[in-house]
Amino acid sequence: MTTSIRVRRLVAGAAASGLLAGGAAFGLSGTAAAAPAPTSVATTVVTGDHHDRHDRCEWKKGHWEKKWVKGHWEKKWTHHKTWQQGHHDKHGKWHNGNWDHDHSYKWVYVPGHWDHDWVKGHWSCHHR
């Protein structure tokens, strides 16, 4: 399958260069009408494929990157402590006060801040 893709790329490159050469010849035909037609048209063949780009690639090691996180709303798990007063029950017995522990979600606004994200190691193949 990769062979057919390479062949298609080669044919497309040759066709594109032929169109460019033909367009240039057409553009010059009006100004040089008396010039004889060329006997052979030079076609440029694209010899490079995607493997030629590896010389422009470099390995970036994994690293911590500083990143700005803009302000946003977050749903946070919150813990509420509520004091329950002591009381006498219907039999006159005293029950001491105690703390009730409740948990719930609450929407809170987190202002913008800098954060550190781990970036995995990867190949960087930017055009130079």
Protein backbone atom coordinates (compact mmCIF):
# COMPACT_ATOMS: atom_id res chain seq x y z
CA MET A 1 0.00 0.00 0.00
CA THR A 2 2.84 2.41 0.75
CA THR A 3 4.29 1.74 -2.67
CA SER A 4 1.09 2.82 -4.40
CA ILE A 5 0.97 6.01 -2.31
CA ARG A 6 4.56 6.80 -3.26
CA VAL A 7 3.79 6.18 -6.93
CA ARG A 8 0.72 8.43 -6.72
CA ARG A 9 2.78 11.18 -5.08
CA LEU A 10 5.46 10.86 -7.75
CA VAL A 11 2.88 11.04 -10.57
CA ALA A 12 1.09 13.98 -8.91
CA GLY A 13 4.42 15.82 -8.48
CA ALA A 14 5.37 15.21 -12.10
CA ALA A 15 1.94 16.35 -13.29
CA ALA A 16 2.08 19.49 -11.17
CA SER A 17 5.54 20.39 -12.43
CA GLY A 18 4.36 19.75 -16.01
CA LEU A 19 1.40 22.07 -15.49
CA LEU A 20 3.68 24.73 -14.06
CA ALA A 21 6.07 24.40 -16.96
CA GLY A 22 3.16 24.42 -19.42
CA GLY A 23 1.65 27.50 -17.77
CA ALA A 24 4.97 29.30 -17.95
CA ALA A 25 5.34 28.38 -21.61
CA PHE A 26 1.78 29.56 -22.30
CA GLY A 27 2.45 32.85 -20.56
CA LEU A 28 5.58 33.44 -22.61
CA SER A 29 4.00 32.38 -25.89
CA GLY A 30 2.38 35.77 -26.42
CA THR A 31 5.61 37.70 -26.02
CA ALA A 32 7.80 35.28 -27.90
CA ALA A 33 5.51 34.14 -30.70
CA ALA A 34 8.38 34.08 -33.17
CA ALA A 35 10.50 31.81 -31.02
CA PRO A 36 10.58 28.18 -32.09
CA ALA A 37 8.74 25.66 -29.92
CA PRO A 38 10.96 23.68 -27.57
CA THR A 39 11.70 20.19 -28.75
CA SER A 40 11.62 18.65 -25.28
CA VAL A 41 9.98 19.79 -22.11
CA ALA A 42 12.06 19.27 -18.99
CA THR A 43 10.04 17.75 -16.20
CA THR A 44 11.15 17.89 -12.62
CA VAL A 45 10.70 14.74 -10.65
CA VAL A 46 10.05 14.95 -6.94
CA THR A 47 12.62 12.62 -5.47
CA GLY A 48 11.95 13.30 -1.81
CA ASP A 49 9.33 11.48 0.17
CA HIS A 50 8.28 11.72 3.79
CA HIS A 51 11.51 10.00 4.90
CA ASP A 52 13.56 13.05 3.85
CA ARG A 53 11.91 15.07 6.61
CA HIS A 54 13.53 13.00 9.37
CA ASP A 55 16.71 15.02 9.09
CA ARG A 56 14.64 18.02 10.23
CA CYS A 57 13.14 16.17 13.19
CA GLU A 58 14.48 16.29 16.70
CA TRP A 59 13.56 14.39 19.85
CA LYS A 60 12.04 16.55 22.59
CA LYS A 61 12.47 14.98 26.02
CA GLY A 62 9.54 14.90 28.41
CA HIS A 63 9.41 18.06 30.48
CA TRP A 64 7.26 20.24 32.69
CA GLU A 65 5.75 23.14 30.80
CA LYS A 66 4.35 26.29 32.38
CA LYS A 67 0.86 26.99 31.05
CA TRP A 68 -1.65 29.79 31.75
CA VAL A 69 -5.09 28.56 32.79
CA LYS A 70 -7.76 31.23 32.44
CA GLY A 71 -10.37 31.75 35.12
CA HIS A 72 -13.28 29.32 35.14
CA TRP A 73 -16.03 27.78 37.25
CA GLU A 74 -15.41 24.39 38.87
CA LYS A 75 -17.64 22.02 40.76
CA LYS A 76 -15.81 21.24 44.02
CA TRP A 77 -16.57 18.60 46.64
CA THR A 78 -17.03 20.52 49.89
CA HIS A 79 -17.26 19.43 53.51
CA HIS A 80 -19.73 21.21 55.82
CA LYS A 81 -19.65 20.90 59.60
CA THR A 82 -22.79 21.99 61.42
CA TRP A 83 -23.12 22.14 65.22
CA GLN A 84 -26.30 20.51 66.55
CA GLN A 85 -27.29 21.95 69.92
CA GLY A 86 -27.78 19.61 72.87
CA HIS A 87 -31.39 19.04 73.91
CA HIS A 88 -33.73 17.25 76.32
CA ASP A 89 -35.77 14.47 74.76
CA LYS A 90 -39.44 13.81 75.68
CA HIS A 91 -38.34 11.69 78.66
CA GLY A 92 -36.25 14.52 80.08
CA LYS A 93 -32.91 12.90 79.25
CA TRP A 94 -30.17 15.29 78.11
CA HIS A 95 -28.44 14.61 74.76
CA ASN A 96 -25.12 16.37 74.20
CA GLY A 97 -24.55 18.50 71.12
CA ASN A 98 -22.59 17.09 68.21
CA TRP A 99 -21.17 18.01 64.85
CA ASP A 100 -22.98 16.94 61.68
CA HIS A 101 -20.69 16.28 58.76
CA ASP A 102 -22.26 16.91 55.38
CA HIS A 103 -20.68 16.67 51.95
CA SER A 104 -21.95 18.28 48.78
CA TYR A 105 -20.83 19.86 45.53
CA LYS A 106 -20.52 23.61 45.23
CA TRP A 107 -19.71 25.76 42.19
CA VAL A 108 -16.69 27.97 42.89
CA TYR A 109 -14.87 30.42 40.63
CA VAL A 110 -11.17 29.70 40.18
CA PRO A 111 -9.28 32.80 38.96
CA GLY A 112 -6.69 32.56 36.18
CA HIS A 113 -3.38 31.09 37.28
CA TRP A 114 -0.16 29.49 36.06
CA ASP A 115 -0.06 25.71 36.14
CA HIS A 116 2.59 23.11 35.27
CA ASP A 117 1.67 20.35 32.80
CA TRP A 118 3.81 17.33 31.95
CA VAL A 119 4.58 17.06 28.23
CA LYS A 120 5.58 13.56 27.09
CA GLY A 121 8.68 13.05 24.99
CA HIS A 122 7.91 13.33 21.27
CA TRP A 123 9.39 13.92 17.82
CA SER A 124 9.18 17.51 16.65
CA CYS A 125 9.28 17.76 12.85
CA HIS A 126 8.78 21.46 12.14
CA HIS A 127 9.81 22.93 8.81
CA ARG A 128 13.05 24.82 9.20
